[in-house]
C-alpha cells in the first residue's frame, strides 16, 4: 500500500527529477553532434579520471581531480599538448614548458588555489619514484579558489590525497558535481563542481572523439539552451551574486584521439572558451580561465629516449573544423552538467551555496520550447 501511494505521488509530480539525471537525459539540447557512450572525457580511449573528495567537519570542502591521458608512464611517453589562456587570473603550474615544447609529461591535476604546490610535489614524487634517472619534471597542476565554502587557508590537501586521485583514476563513467576538485566550487552563484561531456565525429569526418572535463568556479549570466536562466531566476535566487560577483575561475581539459600537434591543439583549446561563453561565462577580470588540450593518438607519443627525428601524423588544417564544433558543444554541456549534478552545500564559517533549482530550470526551458 505504501509503495502504491508513493507511485501515485510520483505520477502526480511529473516535474520531479531523479538526482542522477543529466541535462541530456531530460531532453535539454546541446548542439547537433553525438556524444560518446559515457558522454565523458573518458570516451577518448585511454583517458582515465580519478577524484579524491575531502569533506570533513564543518569547514573542509575541497579535493583533487586527476586526468591521465594514458595508462603508461607519462614521463617516458609524453603526449602532444597545448594550453590556451582565456584569462590569466590564476595559478597554472607547468604552463611555460607546455607552451614552449608542446608536450605533456605528467597527469593533469586539478585542486584548489593554495594546494597547487602540493599537487606539484605529488606529481614530482610519483615521477621520481618510477624514474630513478629523472632530475627535472614539468608537473601540470591547475586550480580554482574554493575559499567561500572551504577552509582554503588550512591547506588540507595532502600529497597522499593527490596520489590517491591518480591511483583511483579509471575509464568509464565520471562522477560529477560535488566531487574532487569541484567539491567546494561555485558557478553562476549556484553550487558548481566537476562536469564532463564528449562528442563522437561520424566516420565521414574521421570518426574521432573529443572529450571535455571542467572544474566550474566562475560567474556571469547563466543561459541554458539559449534561455536566459540566470536573469529569470535572479528575481528569486542569488541576484547579488549574478549582478556583482562574476569573478572566479574555470579549468577546462580537452582530450582527443585525433592526430594533432600542439599548434592545432591550441586552436582547439581556444574553441573551448566559446563553449564557456555559450553558457553565459564572461572570463571576468578576476577569473582564471585555462584550457589544457592534448592528443592521445598513439603514433604521436613522444618517447623520452626516442630518436632525434620523429615521424608524426597531423590532421590537415581543413579537417579541424568538426573538432572545433565538438569542443564547443562538449564544453557547454560539461559546464551545465556540473551545475545539474551539484548539490546544496554549507561550509566554512557557515557559508552556503544552493544547488541550481533544476525543476524550475526545466519549467523555464519547457515554457520557452527549448527542450527536444
Protein backbone atom coordinates (compact mmCIF):
# COMPACT_ATOMS: atom_id res chain seq x y z
CA UNK A 1 0.00 0.00 0.00
CA UNK A 2 2.81 2.43 0.92
CA UNK A 3 4.59 1.60 -2.34
CA UNK A 4 1.38 2.30 -4.30
CA UNK A 5 0.92 5.66 -2.59
CA UNK A 6 4.49 6.62 -3.42
CA UNK A 7 3.98 5.60 -7.05
CA UNK A 8 0.80 7.69 -7.30
CA UNK A 9 2.60 10.65 -5.76
CA UNK A 10 5.39 10.41 -8.32
CA UNK A 11 2.85 10.22 -11.13
CA UNK A 12 1.20 13.38 -9.78
CA UNK A 13 4.55 15.22 -9.83
CA UNK A 14 5.82 14.89 -13.40
CA UNK A 15 8.49 17.53 -12.82
CA UNK A 16 10.14 15.57 -10.01
CA UNK A 17 13.64 14.65 -11.21
CA UNK A 18 15.94 11.81 -10.27
CA UNK A 19 19.18 13.09 -8.77
CA UNK A 20 21.23 11.16 -11.30
CA UNK A 21 19.52 12.72 -14.31
CA UNK A 22 21.87 14.67 -16.54
CA UNK A 23 20.52 17.50 -18.69
CA UNK A 24 20.67 15.39 -21.85
CA UNK A 25 18.55 12.72 -20.12
CA UNK A 26 15.94 15.42 -19.60
CA UNK A 27 15.93 16.40 -23.29
CA UNK A 28 17.99 19.57 -22.88
CA UNK A 29 19.61 20.17 -26.29
CA UNK A 30 23.33 20.77 -26.74
CA UNK A 31 24.15 21.30 -30.39
CA UNK A 32 23.94 18.81 -33.23
CA UNK A 33 26.77 16.33 -32.65
CA UNK A 34 26.51 12.92 -30.97
CA UNK A 35 28.15 12.22 -27.60
CA UNK A 36 30.21 9.11 -26.88
CA UNK A 37 28.88 6.16 -24.85
CA UNK A 38 29.54 7.76 -21.44
CA UNK A 39 29.24 11.37 -22.62
CA UNK A 40 32.51 11.95 -20.74
CA UNK A 41 36.16 12.74 -21.35
CA UNK A 42 36.86 9.04 -20.81
CA UNK A 43 35.17 8.30 -24.14
CA UNK A 44 38.58 9.20 -25.59
CA UNK A 45 40.26 5.79 -25.47
CA UNK A 46 42.91 5.51 -22.77
CA UNK A 47 41.86 8.59 -20.78
CA UNK A 48 41.14 7.98 -17.10
CA UNK A 49 39.82 10.24 -14.34
CA UNK A 50 40.15 9.94 -10.56
CA UNK A 51 38.84 12.01 -7.66
CA UNK A 52 39.76 12.50 -4.03
CA UNK A 53 36.99 14.32 -2.15
CA UNK A 54 37.73 15.95 1.20
CA UNK A 55 34.58 16.64 3.23
CA UNK A 56 35.46 16.96 6.92
CA UNK A 57 33.70 18.63 9.81
CA UNK A 58 32.07 21.95 9.03
CA UNK A 59 34.89 23.62 7.13
CA UNK A 60 36.84 21.28 4.81
CA UNK A 61 35.19 21.21 1.38
CA UNK A 62 37.86 20.57 -1.23
CA UNK A 63 39.62 17.84 -3.18
CA UNK A 64 41.63 16.69 -6.17
CA UNK A 65 40.76 15.55 -9.68
CA UNK A 66 43.39 13.80 -11.80
CA UNK A 67 43.18 13.32 -15.57
CA UNK A 68 45.51 10.70 -17.10
CA UNK A 69 45.94 10.72 -20.91
CA UNK A 70 47.04 7.08 -20.99
CA UNK A 71 47.90 4.17 -18.71
CA UNK A 72 51.65 4.23 -19.30
CA UNK A 73 54.46 6.26 -17.78
CA UNK A 74 53.68 9.83 -18.80
CA UNK A 75 57.29 10.93 -18.49
CA UNK A 76 58.52 8.17 -20.78
CA UNK A 77 55.61 8.55 -23.21
CA UNK A 78 54.64 12.20 -23.40
CA UNK A 79 51.66 13.38 -25.43
CA UNK A 80 51.28 16.43 -27.69
CA UNK A 81 49.57 19.23 -25.78
CA UNK A 82 48.76 22.91 -25.74
CA UNK A 83 47.43 25.42 -23.22
CA UNK A 84 45.25 28.40 -24.05
CA UNK A 85 44.95 31.22 -21.56
CA UNK A 86 41.43 32.69 -21.68
CA UNK A 87 42.00 35.00 -18.71
CA UNK A 88 45.12 34.71 -16.62
CA UNK A 89 43.99 35.45 -13.07
CA UNK A 90 45.05 32.01 -11.93
CA UNK A 91 47.91 29.71 -10.96
CA UNK A 92 48.55 27.03 -13.55
CA UNK A 93 51.82 25.25 -12.80
CA UNK A 94 53.73 23.88 -15.78
CA UNK A 95 52.28 26.34 -18.29
CA UNK A 96 55.50 27.69 -19.80
CA UNK A 97 57.12 24.35 -20.67
CA UNK A 98 53.96 23.01 -22.29
CA UNK A 99 53.74 26.27 -24.21
CA UNK A 100 57.37 26.02 -25.30
CA UNK A 101 57.67 22.31 -26.15
CA UNK A 102 54.08 21.31 -26.87
CA UNK A 103 54.39 18.23 -24.65
CA UNK A 104 52.61 16.95 -21.55
CA UNK A 105 54.72 14.67 -19.35
CA UNK A 106 52.60 14.22 -16.21
CA UNK A 107 48.95 13.60 -15.45
CA UNK A 108 46.89 16.78 -15.12
CA UNK A 109 45.93 17.56 -11.52
CA UNK A 110 43.15 19.98 -10.56
CA UNK A 111 42.72 21.22 -6.99
CA UNK A 112 42.25 24.46 -5.01
CA UNK A 113 44.40 27.57 -5.33
CA UNK A 114 46.58 27.09 -2.26
CA UNK A 115 47.18 23.40 -2.96
CA UNK A 116 48.92 23.80 -6.31
CA UNK A 117 52.33 23.28 -4.69
CA UNK A 118 51.08 20.10 -3.02
CA UNK A 119 49.83 18.84 -6.39
CA UNK A 120 53.23 19.54 -7.92
CA UNK A 121 55.06 17.74 -5.11
CA UNK A 122 52.84 14.69 -5.57
CA UNK A 123 53.39 14.54 -9.33
CA UNK A 124 57.13 15.00 -8.83
CA UNK A 125 57.19 12.28 -6.18
CA UNK A 126 55.37 9.86 -8.47
CA UNK A 127 57.70 10.60 -11.39
CA UNK A 128 60.87 10.24 -9.30
CA UNK A 129 59.56 7.00 -7.81
CA UNK A 130 59.04 5.49 -11.24
CA UNK A 131 62.08 7.02 -12.97
CA UNK A 132 65.31 6.82 -10.93
CA UNK A 133 67.28 8.80 -13.53
CA UNK A 134 64.98 11.86 -13.68
CA UNK A 135 66.22 15.21 -12.36
CA UNK A 136 63.57 17.51 -13.82
CA UNK A 137 59.86 17.06 -14.48
CA UNK A 138 57.18 19.54 -15.55
CA UNK A 139 54.22 18.94 -13.24
CA UNK A 140 50.95 20.39 -14.59
CA UNK A 141 48.54 21.50 -11.87
CA UNK A 142 45.52 23.78 -12.28
CA UNK A 143 43.25 25.34 -9.70
CA UNK A 144 40.19 27.33 -8.79
CA UNK A 145 39.57 29.12 -5.50
CA UNK A 146 37.04 27.29 -3.31
CA UNK A 147 37.57 29.59 -0.30
CA UNK A 148 33.91 30.54 0.10
CA UNK A 149 32.94 27.04 1.21
CA UNK A 150 36.33 25.57 2.10
CA UNK A 151 38.89 26.48 4.76
CA UNK A 152 41.38 27.13 1.99
CA UNK A 153 43.97 28.69 4.31
CA UNK A 154 44.15 25.41 6.21
CA UNK A 155 45.71 23.75 3.12
CA UNK A 156 44.08 20.42 3.89
CA UNK A 157 45.04 18.68 0.64
CA UNK A 158 47.98 16.35 1.29
CA UNK A 159 50.36 14.77 -1.18
CA UNK A 160 48.74 11.43 -0.38
CA UNK A 161 45.35 12.81 -1.49
CA UNK A 162 46.78 13.73 -4.89
CA UNK A 163 48.41 10.35 -5.31
CA UNK A 164 45.15 8.68 -4.27
CA UNK A 165 43.26 10.51 -7.03
CA UNK A 166 45.84 9.36 -9.58
CA UNK A 167 45.67 5.77 -8.33
CA UNK A 168 41.86 5.86 -8.36
CA UNK A 169 41.70 7.01 -11.98
CA UNK A 170 39.53 4.78 -14.17
CA UNK A 171 37.88 4.80 -17.57
CA UNK A 172 34.12 4.78 -17.99
CA UNK A 173 31.63 6.87 -16.06
CA UNK A 174 32.97 10.02 -14.38
CA UNK A 175 31.45 11.33 -11.14
CA UNK A 176 30.22 14.93 -11.47
CA UNK A 177 29.16 17.74 -9.16
CA UNK A 178 30.45 17.98 -5.60
CA UNK A 179 33.44 15.68 -6.09
CA UNK A 180 37.21 16.01 -6.30
CA UNK A 181 38.41 19.46 -7.28
CA UNK A 182 34.79 20.57 -7.63
CA UNK A 183 33.81 19.82 -4.04
CA UNK A 184 33.75 23.43 -2.84
CA UNK A 185 33.27 25.45 -6.03
CA UNK A 186 30.62 27.97 -7.11
CA UNK A 187 29.27 28.60 -10.62
CA UNK A 188 26.98 31.48 -11.66
CA UNK A 189 26.11 31.96 -7.99
CA UNK A 190 24.96 28.38 -7.52
CA UNK A 191 26.91 25.33 -6.43
CA UNK A 192 29.42 24.37 -9.13
CA UNK A 193 31.63 21.33 -9.46
CA UNK A 194 33.07 18.83 -11.91
CA UNK A 195 31.34 18.26 -15.23
CA UNK A 196 32.22 16.30 -18.35
CA UNK A 197 30.93 15.58 -21.84
CA UNK A 198 32.10 14.21 -25.20
CA UNK A 199 31.40 14.18 -28.91
CA UNK A 200 32.00 11.42 -31.47
CA UNK A 201 32.54 12.53 -35.06
CA UNK A 202 30.94 10.48 -37.85
CA UNK A 203 33.28 8.23 -39.79
CA UNK A 204 32.96 10.54 -42.81
CA UNK A 205 34.70 13.23 -40.73
CA UNK A 206 37.35 10.90 -39.31
CA UNK A 207 35.44 9.17 -36.52
CA UNK A 208 37.49 10.99 -33.87
CA UNK A 209 36.34 11.61 -30.30
CA UNK A 210 36.62 14.82 -28.30
CA UNK A 211 36.11 14.78 -24.54
CA UNK A 212 35.97 17.68 -22.10
CA UNK A 213 36.19 17.90 -18.31
CA UNK A 214 35.59 21.16 -16.41
CA UNK A 215 36.09 22.45 -12.88
CA UNK A 216 33.49 25.24 -12.69
CA UNK A 217 34.01 28.13 -10.30
CA UNK A 218 33.12 31.24 -12.29
CA UNK A 219 30.41 33.82 -12.82
CA UNK A 220 28.42 35.57 -15.48
CA UNK A 221 24.80 35.35 -16.57
CA UNK A 222 23.73 31.74 -16.93
CA UNK A 223 21.95 30.60 -20.07
CA UNK A 224 20.95 27.06 -20.94
CA UNK A 225 19.81 26.01 -24.42
CA UNK A 226 19.62 29.72 -25.29
CA UNK A 227 17.25 30.52 -22.42
CA UNK A 228 18.42 33.33 -20.06
CA UNK A 229 18.10 31.20 -16.96
CA UNK A 230 20.25 33.48 -14.78
CA UNK A 231 18.18 36.65 -15.19
CA UNK A 232 14.93 34.72 -14.94
CA UNK A 233 15.98 33.06 -11.68
CA UNK A 234 17.76 36.20 -10.50
CA UNK A 235 14.38 37.63 -9.48
CA UNK A 236 14.32 34.96 -6.80
CA UNK A 237 17.79 33.46 -6.37
CA UNK A 238 21.26 34.95 -5.97
CA UNK A 239 20.56 38.35 -7.53
CA UNK A 240 23.55 39.82 -5.69
CA UNK A 241 25.95 37.15 -6.94
CA UNK A 242 24.68 37.33 -10.51
CA UNK A 243 24.90 41.11 -10.64
CA UNK A 244 28.05 41.78 -8.63
CA UNK A 245 30.17 38.66 -8.32
CA UNK A 246 31.28 37.43 -11.72
CA UNK A 247 34.84 36.63 -10.67
CA UNK A 248 36.10 33.06 -10.27
CA UNK A 249 37.82 30.52 -12.48
CA UNK A 250 37.23 27.64 -14.84
CA UNK A 251 39.71 24.88 -15.62
CA UNK A 252 38.90 23.10 -18.88
CA UNK A 253 40.64 19.93 -20.07
CA UNK A 254 40.10 18.80 -23.67
CA UNK A 255 41.19 15.35 -24.87
CA UNK A 256 41.02 13.92 -28.38
CA UNK A 257 42.29 10.88 -30.24
CA UNK A 258 42.67 12.89 -33.45
CA UNK A 259 46.27 13.09 -34.75
CA UNK A 260 47.06 16.68 -33.82
CA UNK A 261 50.18 18.56 -32.88
CA UNK A 262 50.48 21.49 -30.43
CA UNK A 263 49.53 24.15 -32.98
CA UNK A 264 46.13 22.68 -33.82
CA UNK A 265 45.60 21.59 -30.21
CA UNK A 266 45.90 25.23 -29.22
CA UNK A 267 43.36 26.12 -31.89
CA UNK A 268 41.01 23.53 -30.37
CA UNK A 269 41.68 24.88 -26.87
CA UNK A 270 40.63 28.35 -27.99
CA UNK A 271 37.24 26.98 -29.07
CA UNK A 272 36.56 25.70 -25.55
CA UNK A 273 36.23 29.33 -24.48
CA UNK A 274 33.38 29.66 -27.00
CA UNK A 275 31.64 26.82 -25.18
CA UNK A 276 32.08 28.68 -21.90
CA UNK A 277 30.61 31.80 -23.50
CA UNK A 278 27.56 29.84 -24.66
CA UNK A 279 26.70 29.21 -21.01
CA UNK A 280 26.99 32.90 -20.15
CA UNK A 281 30.52 32.89 -18.74
CA UNK A 282 32.38 36.16 -19.32
CA UNK A 283 36.02 35.40 -18.32
CA UNK A 284 35.97 38.37 -15.95
CA UNK A 285 38.96 40.32 -14.68
CA UNK A 286 39.37 38.13 -11.62
CA UNK A 287 38.80 34.81 -13.37
CA UNK A 288 41.47 32.23 -14.14
CA UNK A 289 40.23 30.51 -17.28
CA UNK A 290 42.66 27.98 -18.76
CA UNK A 291 42.22 25.26 -21.36
CA UNK A 292 44.61 22.29 -21.49
CA UNK A 293 44.24 20.25 -24.68
CA UNK A 294 46.06 17.03 -25.55
CA UNK A 295 46.01 14.27 -28.16
CA UNK A 296 46.16 10.60 -27.24
CA UNK A 297 46.89 9.45 -30.80
CA UNK A 298 49.27 6.56 -30.15
CA UNK A 299 51.51 7.16 -33.14
CA UNK A 300 52.34 10.68 -31.99
CA UNK A 301 53.52 9.99 -28.45
CA UNK A 302 56.91 11.47 -27.66
CA UNK A 303 59.34 8.89 -26.30
CA UNK A 304 61.71 10.26 -23.66
CA UNK A 305 64.55 8.19 -25.12
CA UNK A 306 63.31 8.27 -28.68
CA UNK A 307 65.13 9.12 -31.92
CA UNK A 308 66.30 12.62 -32.78
CA UNK A 309 63.88 12.72 -35.70
CA UNK A 310 60.26 11.64 -35.27
CA UNK A 311 57.60 10.76 -37.80
CA UNK A 312 54.18 12.08 -36.82
CA UNK A 313 50.71 12.19 -38.30
CA UNK A 314 48.96 15.53 -38.44
CA UNK A 315 45.37 16.16 -39.41
CA UNK A 316 45.17 18.74 -42.18
CA UNK A 317 44.02 22.21 -41.13
CA UNK A 318 40.91 21.73 -43.22
CA UNK A 319 39.92 18.72 -41.13
CA UNK A 320 39.87 20.55 -37.80
CA UNK A 321 36.54 22.38 -38.06
CA UNK A 322 34.42 19.40 -36.92
CA UNK A 323 36.72 19.09 -33.90
CA UNK A 324 36.19 22.78 -33.16
CA UNK A 325 32.44 22.30 -33.11
CA UNK A 326 32.77 19.15 -31.00
CA UNK A 327 34.87 21.05 -28.46
CA UNK A 328 32.41 23.95 -28.23
CA UNK A 329 29.42 21.67 -27.73
CA UNK A 330 31.14 19.37 -25.23
CA UNK A 331 32.42 22.29 -23.16
CA UNK A 332 28.99 23.89 -22.98
CA UNK A 333 27.38 20.62 -21.94
CA UNK A 334 30.09 19.78 -19.40
CA UNK A 335 29.56 23.11 -17.65
CA UNK A 336 25.81 22.63 -17.45
CA UNK A 337 26.32 19.02 -16.32
CA UNK A 338 28.40 20.31 -13.40
CA UNK A 339 25.51 22.52 -12.30
CA UNK A 340 22.83 19.84 -12.63
CA UNK A 341 24.92 17.33 -10.65
CA UNK A 342 25.90 19.69 -7.83
CA UNK A 343 24.02 19.66 -4.52
CA UNK A 344 23.44 22.20 -1.75
CA UNK A 345 26.47 22.71 0.47
CA UNK A 346 27.30 24.51 3.72
CA UNK A 347 30.93 25.01 4.63
CA UNK A 348 33.42 27.19 6.44
CA UNK A 349 32.02 29.97 8.66
CA UNK A 350 28.51 28.79 7.85
CA UNK A 351 28.76 29.91 4.23
CA UNK A 352 26.43 28.08 1.89
CA UNK A 353 25.66 27.60 -1.77
CA UNK A 354 22.36 26.29 -3.05
CA UNK A 355 22.23 23.93 -5.98
CA UNK A 356 20.76 25.12 -9.25
CA UNK A 357 16.95 24.71 -8.91
CA UNK A 358 16.75 22.10 -11.65
CA UNK A 359 13.00 21.61 -11.54
CA UNK A 360 12.41 25.34 -12.00
CA UNK A 361 15.01 25.44 -14.79
CA UNK A 362 13.21 22.64 -16.59
CA UNK A 363 9.94 24.56 -16.29
CA UNK A 364 11.58 27.62 -17.86
CA UNK A 365 13.03 25.57 -20.71
CA UNK A 366 9.69 23.89 -21.30
CA UNK A 367 7.79 27.19 -21.26
CA UNK A 368 10.11 28.58 -23.95
CA UNK A 369 10.03 25.48 -26.13
CA UNK A 370 13.74 24.84 -25.63
CA UNK A 371 13.54 21.09 -24.96
CA UNK A 372 13.95 18.47 -27.67
